[in-house]
Amino acid sequence: MTKEQIQAFTFRVSSANKTEMIVILYDIAITYLNDSVSAKENGNKTLFRAELNRTKSTVQELMNSVDTSTELGLTLLKLYVYCNRELTKAYIDLDDAPARHLIKIFSSLKSAYEAVSKNDQSGAVMKNVEIVYGGLTYNKKLMDEILTDRAQSRGFLA
């Protein structure tokens, strides 16, 4: 994952509600899986396994977010357990086929959650974050971001 992707995910997380957070986790998992497939194609076994481990951490976060009191939640949990097994299999066998399959699964789940997130009107999960305005300001070719409220307390009170 590039530095720019990390910054983009960080910005998205700072303004996301609960449903959008799941969409972001799917995006992160897909990014890690794509990076692992690229590493495998380039013959870098160490990076391949590292990206699979990062994906497993993301799947663990998805598992922690499941509401197991509903039948849908239990089904999702079973799917995440399957994904975790596939990641382990890919790690052990040094095979990128399971990773490619998981990209399809996560892409489908992401699409479903994107549709649901359009109806979710709850507020952002994170409170007391900086407001970021992005746009073309003084440079026609580069995107500039402006941070406001830097003087405010960001939750660190003594």
N, C-alpha and C. Protein backbone atom coordinates (compact mmCIF):
# COMPACT_ATOMS: atom_id res chain seq x y z
N MET A 1 0.85 -1.17 0.00
CA MET A 1 0.00 0.00 0.00
C MET A 1 0.90 1.23 0.00
N THR A 2 0.58 2.16 -0.87
CA THR A 2 1.40 3.37 -0.99
C THR A 2 1.05 4.37 0.11
N LYS A 3 1.92 5.34 0.28
CA LYS A 3 1.70 6.39 1.27
C LYS A 3 0.43 7.17 0.95
N GLU A 4 0.19 7.42 -0.32
CA GLU A 4 -1.01 8.16 -0.74
C GLU A 4 -2.27 7.37 -0.42
N GLN A 5 -2.24 6.05 -0.61
CA GLN A 5 -3.40 5.23 -0.29
C GLN A 5 -3.66 5.24 1.22
N ILE A 6 -2.61 5.18 2.00
CA ILE A 6 -2.76 5.23 3.45
C ILE A 6 -3.39 6.55 3.87
N GLN A 7 -2.94 7.64 3.29
CA GLN A 7 -3.51 8.95 3.61
C GLN A 7 -4.98 9.02 3.21
N ALA A 8 -5.31 8.47 2.06
CA ALA A 8 -6.70 8.48 1.59
C ALA A 8 -7.59 7.66 2.53
N PHE A 9 -7.10 6.49 2.95
CA PHE A 9 -7.88 5.67 3.87
C PHE A 9 -8.04 6.38 5.22
N THR A 10 -6.98 7.03 5.68
CA THR A 10 -7.03 7.75 6.94
C THR A 10 -8.08 8.85 6.88
N PHE A 11 -8.10 9.59 5.78
CA PHE A 11 -9.08 10.66 5.61
C PHE A 11 -10.49 10.09 5.59
N ARG A 12 -10.69 8.99 4.87
CA ARG A 12 -12.02 8.37 4.79
C ARG A 12 -12.48 7.87 6.15
N VAL A 13 -11.58 7.28 6.91
CA VAL A 13 -11.93 6.76 8.23
C VAL A 13 -12.36 7.89 9.15
N SER A 14 -11.71 9.03 9.06
CA SER A 14 -12.00 10.13 9.97
C SER A 14 -13.41 10.70 9.79
N SER A 15 -14.04 10.46 8.65
CA SER A 15 -15.38 11.02 8.43
C SER A 15 -16.44 9.94 8.19
N ALA A 16 -16.11 8.67 8.43
CA ALA A 16 -17.02 7.57 8.08
C ALA A 16 -17.94 7.20 9.24
N ASN A 17 -19.16 6.76 8.87
CA ASN A 17 -20.05 6.18 9.86
C ASN A 17 -19.79 4.67 9.94
N LYS A 18 -20.59 3.95 10.72
CA LYS A 18 -20.32 2.52 10.94
C LYS A 18 -20.34 1.71 9.65
N THR A 19 -21.32 1.95 8.80
CA THR A 19 -21.43 1.18 7.56
C THR A 19 -20.31 1.52 6.60
N GLU A 20 -19.96 2.80 6.52
CA GLU A 20 -18.86 3.22 5.64
C GLU A 20 -17.53 2.64 6.12
N MET A 21 -17.40 2.42 7.44
CA MET A 21 -16.18 1.81 7.96
C MET A 21 -16.00 0.40 7.42
N ILE A 22 -17.09 -0.34 7.27
CA ILE A 22 -17.01 -1.69 6.73
C ILE A 22 -16.58 -1.63 5.26
N VAL A 23 -17.13 -0.66 4.51
CA VAL A 23 -16.73 -0.49 3.11
C VAL A 23 -15.24 -0.18 3.02
N ILE A 24 -14.75 0.64 3.92
CA ILE A 24 -13.32 0.99 3.94
C ILE A 24 -12.48 -0.25 4.26
N LEU A 25 -12.94 -1.07 5.19
CA LEU A 25 -12.20 -2.30 5.51
C LEU A 25 -12.15 -3.23 4.30
N TYR A 26 -13.24 -3.32 3.54
CA TYR A 26 -13.21 -4.12 2.32
C TYR A 26 -12.22 -3.53 1.32
N ASP A 27 -12.20 -2.21 1.18
CA ASP A 27 -11.24 -1.57 0.27
C ASP A 27 -9.80 -1.87 0.69
N ILE A 28 -9.55 -1.81 1.98
CA ILE A 28 -8.21 -2.10 2.49
C ILE A 28 -7.83 -3.55 2.20
N ALA A 29 -8.75 -4.47 2.46
CA ALA A 29 -8.48 -5.88 2.20
C ALA A 29 -8.20 -6.13 0.72
N ILE A 30 -8.99 -5.50 -0.15
CA ILE A 30 -8.79 -5.65 -1.59
C ILE A 30 -7.43 -5.09 -2.01
N THR A 31 -7.06 -3.96 -1.43
CA THR A 31 -5.76 -3.36 -1.75
C THR A 31 -4.62 -4.29 -1.33
N TYR A 32 -4.71 -4.83 -0.11
CA TYR A 32 -3.68 -5.76 0.35
C TYR A 32 -3.62 -7.00 -0.52
N LEU A 33 -4.77 -7.52 -0.91
CA LEU A 33 -4.80 -8.72 -1.75
C LEU A 33 -4.20 -8.43 -3.13
N ASN A 34 -4.53 -7.29 -3.70
CA ASN A 34 -3.93 -6.91 -4.99
C ASN A 34 -2.42 -6.77 -4.87
N ASP A 35 -1.97 -6.19 -3.75
CA ASP A 35 -0.53 -6.06 -3.52
C ASP A 35 0.13 -7.42 -3.36
N SER A 36 -0.57 -8.36 -2.72
CA SER A 36 0.00 -9.70 -2.55
C SER A 36 0.10 -10.42 -3.89
N VAL A 37 -0.91 -10.27 -4.74
CA VAL A 37 -0.86 -10.90 -6.06
C VAL A 37 0.28 -10.31 -6.88
N SER A 38 0.47 -8.99 -6.82
CA SER A 38 1.58 -8.34 -7.53
C SER A 38 2.93 -8.84 -7.02
N ALA A 39 3.03 -8.98 -5.70
CA ALA A 39 4.28 -9.48 -5.13
C ALA A 39 4.57 -10.89 -5.59
N LYS A 40 3.55 -11.72 -5.65
CA LYS A 40 3.73 -13.10 -6.11
C LYS A 40 4.17 -13.13 -7.57
N GLU A 41 3.54 -12.28 -8.39
CA GLU A 41 3.91 -12.21 -9.81
C GLU A 41 5.35 -11.75 -9.99
N ASN A 42 5.84 -10.91 -9.09
CA ASN A 42 7.21 -10.41 -9.15
C ASN A 42 8.20 -11.34 -8.45
N GLY A 43 7.69 -12.44 -7.89
CA GLY A 43 8.57 -13.40 -7.25
C GLY A 43 9.01 -13.04 -5.85
N ASN A 44 8.36 -12.08 -5.22
CA ASN A 44 8.73 -11.65 -3.88
C ASN A 44 7.87 -12.38 -2.85
N LYS A 45 8.37 -13.52 -2.37
CA LYS A 45 7.61 -14.36 -1.45
C LYS A 45 7.41 -13.69 -0.09
N THR A 46 8.42 -12.97 0.35
CA THR A 46 8.33 -12.32 1.65
C THR A 46 7.23 -11.26 1.65
N LEU A 47 7.21 -10.42 0.63
CA LEU A 47 6.17 -9.40 0.54
C LEU A 47 4.80 -10.04 0.33
N PHE A 48 4.73 -11.11 -0.44
CA PHE A 48 3.47 -11.83 -0.66
C PHE A 48 2.88 -12.26 0.68
N ARG A 49 3.70 -12.88 1.51
CA ARG A 49 3.22 -13.34 2.82
C ARG A 49 2.90 -12.18 3.75
N ALA A 50 3.68 -11.11 3.67
CA ALA A 50 3.40 -9.94 4.52
C ALA A 50 2.05 -9.32 4.17
N GLU A 51 1.76 -9.22 2.88
CA GLU A 51 0.47 -8.65 2.46
C GLU A 51 -0.68 -9.56 2.86
N LEU A 52 -0.46 -10.88 2.80
CA LEU A 52 -1.51 -11.81 3.25
C LEU A 52 -1.75 -11.65 4.75
N ASN A 53 -0.70 -11.44 5.53
CA ASN A 53 -0.87 -11.22 6.97
C ASN A 53 -1.62 -9.93 7.23
N ARG A 54 -1.34 -8.89 6.46
CA ARG A 54 -2.08 -7.64 6.61
C ARG A 54 -3.55 -7.84 6.28
N THR A 55 -3.82 -8.65 5.26
CA THR A 55 -5.20 -8.95 4.90
C THR A 55 -5.88 -9.71 6.03
N LYS A 56 -5.17 -10.66 6.63
CA LYS A 56 -5.74 -11.42 7.75
C LYS A 56 -6.10 -10.50 8.90
N SER A 57 -5.30 -9.49 9.16
CA SER A 57 -5.60 -8.52 10.22
C SER A 57 -6.88 -7.76 9.89
N THR A 58 -7.03 -7.42 8.63
CA THR A 58 -8.24 -6.70 8.20
C THR A 58 -9.47 -7.60 8.32
N VAL A 59 -9.34 -8.86 7.95
CA VAL A 59 -10.44 -9.81 8.09
C VAL A 59 -10.79 -9.98 9.56
N GLN A 60 -9.79 -9.97 10.43
CA GLN A 60 -10.05 -10.06 11.87
C GLN A 60 -10.87 -8.86 12.34
N GLU A 61 -10.56 -7.67 11.83
CA GLU A 61 -11.37 -6.48 12.16
C GLU A 61 -12.80 -6.64 11.67
N LEU A 62 -12.97 -7.21 10.48
CA LEU A 62 -14.31 -7.47 9.97
C LEU A 62 -15.04 -8.46 10.86
N MET A 63 -14.35 -9.49 11.32
CA MET A 63 -14.95 -10.48 12.21
C MET A 63 -15.38 -9.84 13.53
N ASN A 64 -14.57 -8.93 14.03
CA ASN A 64 -14.90 -8.25 15.29
C ASN A 64 -16.10 -7.32 15.14
N SER A 65 -16.39 -6.88 13.93
CA SER A 65 -17.49 -5.93 13.72
C SER A 65 -18.84 -6.61 13.53
N VAL A 66 -18.84 -7.94 13.42
CA VAL A 66 -20.08 -8.67 13.13
C VAL A 66 -20.99 -8.72 14.35
N ASP A 67 -22.28 -8.47 14.11
CA ASP A 67 -23.30 -8.62 15.13
C ASP A 67 -23.81 -10.06 15.05
N THR A 68 -23.37 -10.90 15.97
CA THR A 68 -23.70 -12.33 15.90
C THR A 68 -25.08 -12.65 16.46
N SER A 69 -25.85 -11.64 16.84
CA SER A 69 -27.19 -11.90 17.35
C SER A 69 -28.20 -12.11 16.23
N THR A 70 -27.80 -11.88 14.99
CA THR A 70 -28.70 -12.07 13.85
C THR A 70 -28.18 -13.21 12.97
N GLU A 71 -29.10 -13.76 12.19
CA GLU A 71 -28.72 -14.84 11.28
C GLU A 71 -27.76 -14.34 10.20
N LEU A 72 -28.00 -13.12 9.72
CA LEU A 72 -27.11 -12.54 8.71
C LEU A 72 -25.70 -12.36 9.27
N GLY A 73 -25.63 -11.92 10.53
CA GLY A 73 -24.32 -11.76 11.16
C GLY A 73 -23.57 -13.06 11.29
N LEU A 74 -24.29 -14.11 11.65
CA LEU A 74 -23.64 -15.42 11.76
C LEU A 74 -23.17 -15.92 10.40
N THR A 75 -23.95 -15.66 9.36
CA THR A 75 -23.54 -16.05 8.01
C THR A 75 -22.29 -15.29 7.58
N LEU A 76 -22.26 -13.99 7.86
CA LEU A 76 -21.07 -13.19 7.54
C LEU A 76 -19.85 -13.70 8.30
N LEU A 77 -20.05 -14.04 9.56
CA LEU A 77 -18.94 -14.55 10.36
C LEU A 77 -18.38 -15.84 9.76
N LYS A 78 -19.27 -16.73 9.32
CA LYS A 78 -18.82 -17.97 8.67
C LYS A 78 -18.04 -17.67 7.40
N LEU A 79 -18.49 -16.66 6.65
CA LEU A 79 -17.79 -16.27 5.43
C LEU A 79 -16.40 -15.73 5.75
N TYR A 80 -16.30 -14.93 6.81
CA TYR A 80 -14.99 -14.39 7.20
C TYR A 80 -14.05 -15.49 7.68
N VAL A 81 -14.60 -16.49 8.37
CA VAL A 81 -13.78 -17.63 8.81
C VAL A 81 -13.26 -18.37 7.58
N TYR A 82 -14.12 -18.54 6.58
CA TYR A 82 -13.69 -19.16 5.32
C TYR A 82 -12.57 -18.34 4.66
N CYS A 83 -12.74 -17.03 4.64
CA CYS A 83 -11.71 -16.16 4.04
C CYS A 83 -10.39 -16.30 4.79
N ASN A 84 -10.47 -16.39 6.10
CA ASN A 84 -9.27 -16.55 6.91
C ASN A 84 -8.57 -17.87 6.57
N ARG A 85 -9.34 -18.95 6.39
CA ARG A 85 -8.76 -20.24 6.01
C ARG A 85 -8.10 -20.16 4.64
N GLU A 86 -8.73 -19.48 3.71
CA GLU A 86 -8.16 -19.32 2.37
C GLU A 86 -6.86 -18.53 2.41
N LEU A 87 -6.81 -17.51 3.26
CA LEU A 87 -5.58 -16.73 3.40
C LEU A 87 -4.46 -17.59 3.98
N THR A 88 -4.79 -18.42 4.94
CA THR A 88 -3.80 -19.32 5.53
C THR A 88 -3.30 -20.32 4.49
N LYS A 89 -4.23 -20.83 3.70
CA LYS A 89 -3.86 -21.77 2.64
C LYS A 89 -2.93 -21.09 1.63
N ALA A 90 -3.26 -19.87 1.22
CA ALA A 90 -2.42 -19.13 0.28
C ALA A 90 -1.03 -18.90 0.86
N TYR A 91 -0.98 -18.57 2.16
CA TYR A 91 0.29 -18.31 2.84
C TYR A 91 1.17 -19.56 2.85
N ILE A 92 0.58 -20.68 3.22
CA ILE A 92 1.34 -21.92 3.33
C ILE A 92 1.80 -22.43 1.97
N ASP A 93 0.87 -22.42 1.00
CA ASP A 93 1.16 -22.98 -0.32
C ASP A 93 1.87 -22.00 -1.26
N LEU A 94 2.04 -20.76 -0.83
CA LEU A 94 2.59 -19.71 -1.70
C LEU A 94 1.82 -19.66 -3.02
N ASP A 95 0.50 -19.67 -2.91
CA ASP A 95 -0.38 -19.70 -4.08
C ASP A 95 -1.25 -18.45 -4.07
N ASP A 96 -1.29 -17.74 -5.20
CA ASP A 96 -2.09 -16.52 -5.24
C ASP A 96 -3.53 -16.76 -5.72
N ALA A 97 -3.89 -17.99 -6.06
CA ALA A 97 -5.25 -18.28 -6.52
C ALA A 97 -6.30 -17.98 -5.43
N PRO A 98 -6.07 -18.38 -4.17
CA PRO A 98 -7.04 -18.01 -3.13
C PRO A 98 -7.17 -16.49 -2.97
N ALA A 99 -6.06 -15.79 -3.10
CA ALA A 99 -6.10 -14.32 -2.99
C ALA A 99 -6.95 -13.72 -4.10
N ARG A 100 -6.79 -14.22 -5.30
CA ARG A 100 -7.59 -13.74 -6.43
C ARG A 100 -9.08 -14.02 -6.20
N HIS A 101 -9.37 -15.19 -5.64
CA HIS A 101 -10.77 -15.54 -5.34
C HIS A 101 -11.35 -14.62 -4.27
N LEU A 102 -10.54 -14.32 -3.26
CA LEU A 102 -11.01 -13.44 -2.18
C LEU A 102 -11.24 -12.01 -2.66
N ILE A 103 -10.49 -11.57 -3.64
CA ILE A 103 -10.72 -10.25 -4.21
C ILE A 103 -12.15 -10.16 -4.76
N LYS A 104 -12.58 -11.22 -5.44
CA LYS A 104 -13.94 -11.25 -5.98
C LYS A 104 -14.98 -11.24 -4.86
N ILE A 105 -14.74 -12.02 -3.82
CA ILE A 105 -15.68 -12.07 -2.70
C ILE A 105 -15.79 -10.71 -2.03
N PHE A 106 -14.65 -10.11 -1.71
CA PHE A 106 -14.67 -8.82 -1.03
C PHE A 106 -15.24 -7.71 -1.91
N SER A 107 -15.02 -7.79 -3.20
CA SER A 107 -15.60 -6.81 -4.12
C SER A 107 -17.12 -6.90 -4.12
N SER A 108 -17.66 -8.11 -4.09
CA SER A 108 -19.12 -8.28 -4.05
C SER A 108 -19.68 -7.78 -2.73
N LEU A 109 -19.03 -8.11 -1.63
CA LEU A 109 -19.48 -7.63 -0.33
C LEU A 109 -19.39 -6.12 -0.22
N LYS A 110 -18.34 -5.56 -0.79
CA LYS A 110 -18.17 -4.10 -0.78
C LYS A 110 -19.32 -3.43 -1.52
N SER A 111 -19.69 -3.97 -2.68
CA SER A 111 -20.80 -3.40 -3.44
C SER A 111 -22.09 -3.42 -2.64
N ALA A 112 -22.34 -4.52 -1.95
CA ALA A 112 -23.54 -4.64 -1.13
C ALA A 112 -23.54 -3.61 0.01
N TYR A 113 -22.40 -3.47 0.67
CA TYR A 113 -22.32 -2.52 1.78
C TYR A 113 -22.36 -1.07 1.29
N GLU A 114 -21.85 -0.81 0.11
CA GLU A 114 -21.96 0.55 -0.45
C GLU A 114 -23.42 0.91 -0.65
N ALA A 115 -24.22 -0.03 -1.13
CA ALA A 115 -25.65 0.22 -1.33
C ALA A 115 -26.33 0.48 0.01
N VAL A 116 -25.97 -0.30 1.03
CA VAL A 116 -26.55 -0.12 2.35
C VAL A 116 -26.11 1.20 2.97
N SER A 117 -24.86 1.57 2.75
CA SER A 117 -24.33 2.79 3.38
C SER A 117 -25.00 4.05 2.87
N LYS A 118 -25.60 3.99 1.68
CA LYS A 118 -26.33 5.16 1.16
C LYS A 118 -27.55 5.47 2.01
N ASN A 119 -28.09 4.46 2.68
CA ASN A 119 -29.26 4.66 3.53
C ASN A 119 -28.92 4.91 4.99
N ASP A 120 -27.67 4.74 5.35
CA ASP A 120 -27.23 4.92 6.73
C ASP A 120 -26.98 6.41 6.98
N GLN A 121 -27.81 7.01 7.79
CA GLN A 121 -27.70 8.44 8.07
C GLN A 121 -27.05 8.73 9.42
N SER A 122 -26.47 7.71 10.06
CA SER A 122 -25.83 7.92 11.35
C SER A 122 -24.60 8.80 11.19
N GLY A 123 -24.17 9.36 12.29
CA GLY A 123 -23.03 10.26 12.27
C GLY A 123 -21.71 9.52 12.18
N ALA A 124 -20.67 10.29 12.05
CA ALA A 124 -19.33 9.74 11.94
C ALA A 124 -18.95 9.03 13.24
N VAL A 125 -18.18 7.97 13.11
CA VAL A 125 -17.73 7.20 14.26
C VAL A 125 -16.73 8.02 15.07
N MET A 126 -15.82 8.69 14.38
CA MET A 126 -14.80 9.49 15.06
C MET A 126 -15.34 10.90 15.32
N LYS A 127 -15.10 11.37 16.50
CA LYS A 127 -15.51 12.72 16.89
C LYS A 127 -14.26 13.57 17.10
N ASN A 128 -14.42 14.87 17.03
CA ASN A 128 -13.35 15.81 17.34
C ASN A 128 -12.16 15.64 16.39
N VAL A 129 -12.43 15.54 15.09
CA VAL A 129 -11.36 15.43 14.09
C VAL A 129 -11.26 16.74 13.33
N GLU A 130 -10.13 16.92 12.69
CA GLU A 130 -9.93 18.13 11.89
C GLU A 130 -10.81 18.10 10.65
N ILE A 131 -11.26 19.26 10.25
CA ILE A 131 -12.04 19.39 9.02
C ILE A 131 -11.05 19.59 7.88
N VAL A 132 -11.22 18.82 6.81
CA VAL A 132 -10.32 18.90 5.66
C VAL A 132 -11.13 19.34 4.45
N TYR A 133 -10.66 20.40 3.80
CA TYR A 133 -11.27 20.84 2.56
C TYR A 133 -10.29 20.53 1.44
N GLY A 134 -10.76 19.83 0.43
CA GLY A 134 -9.89 19.48 -0.69
C GLY A 134 -10.40 20.10 -1.96
N GLY A 135 -9.49 20.52 -2.81
CA GLY A 135 -9.90 21.08 -4.08
C GLY A 135 -8.74 21.71 -4.80
N LEU A 136 -9.04 22.20 -5.97
CA LEU A 136 -8.04 22.90 -6.75
C LEU A 136 -8.02 24.34 -6.29
N THR A 137 -6.94 24.75 -5.67
CA THR A 137 -6.90 26.10 -5.14
C THR A 137 -6.01 26.99 -6.00
N TYR A 138 -4.73 26.93 -5.81
CA TYR A 138 -3.83 27.80 -6.54
C TYR A 138 -3.04 27.07 -7.62
N ASN A 139 -3.24 25.82 -7.75
CA ASN A 139 -2.49 25.04 -8.71
C ASN A 139 -3.48 24.25 -9.56
N LYS A 140 -3.44 24.43 -10.85
CA LYS A 140 -4.41 23.79 -11.73
C LYS A 140 -4.18 22.30 -11.90
N LYS A 141 -3.00 21.81 -11.55
CA LYS A 141 -2.67 20.41 -11.80
C LYS A 141 -2.61 19.55 -10.54
N LEU A 142 -2.57 20.16 -9.38
CA LEU A 142 -2.43 19.39 -8.15
C LEU A 142 -3.61 19.64 -7.23
N MET A 143 -4.01 18.61 -6.51
CA MET A 143 -5.06 18.73 -5.51
C MET A 143 -4.45 19.21 -4.21
N ASP A 144 -4.98 20.27 -3.65
CA ASP A 144 -4.50 20.80 -2.39
C ASP A 144 -5.54 20.53 -1.31
N GLU A 145 -5.06 20.28 -0.10
CA GLU A 145 -5.94 20.08 1.03
C GLU A 145 -5.64 21.13 2.07
N ILE A 146 -6.69 21.63 2.70
CA ILE A 146 -6.56 22.64 3.73
C ILE A 146 -7.15 22.09 5.01
N LEU A 147 -6.38 22.11 6.09
CA LEU A 147 -6.86 21.65 7.39
C LEU A 147 -7.28 22.85 8.20
N THR A 148 -8.41 22.72 8.88
CA THR A 148 -8.89 23.80 9.74
C THR A 148 -8.98 23.29 11.17
N ASP A 149 -9.28 24.18 12.07
CA ASP A 149 -9.47 23.84 13.48
C ASP A 149 -8.23 23.23 14.12
N ARG A 150 -7.05 23.67 13.72
CA ARG A 150 -5.82 23.11 14.30
C ARG A 150 -5.65 23.49 15.77
N ALA A 151 -6.23 24.60 16.20
CA ALA A 151 -6.05 25.05 17.56
C ALA A 151 -6.97 24.31 18.55
N GLN A 152 -7.97 23.63 18.04
CA GLN A 152 -8.91 22.94 18.92
C GLN A 152 -8.25 21.76 19.61
N SER A 153 -8.80 21.41 20.74
CA SER A 153 -8.36 20.21 21.42
C SER A 153 -8.83 19.00 20.62
N ARG A 154 -7.96 18.05 20.41
CA ARG A 154 -8.31 16.85 19.65
C ARG A 154 -8.61 15.70 20.58
N GLY A 155 -9.06 15.99 21.79
CA GLY A 155 -9.42 14.95 22.72
C GLY A 155 -8.35 14.66 23.76
N PHE A 156 -7.25 15.36 23.71
CA PHE A 156 -6.18 15.16 24.67
C PHE A 156 -6.26 16.25 25.73
N LEU A 157 -6.97 15.97 26.78
CA LEU A 157 -7.13 16.94 27.85
C LEU A 157 -6.37 16.47 29.07
N ALA A 158 -5.66 17.41 29.71
CA ALA A 158 -4.89 17.04 30.90
C ALA A 158 -5.66 17.38 32.15
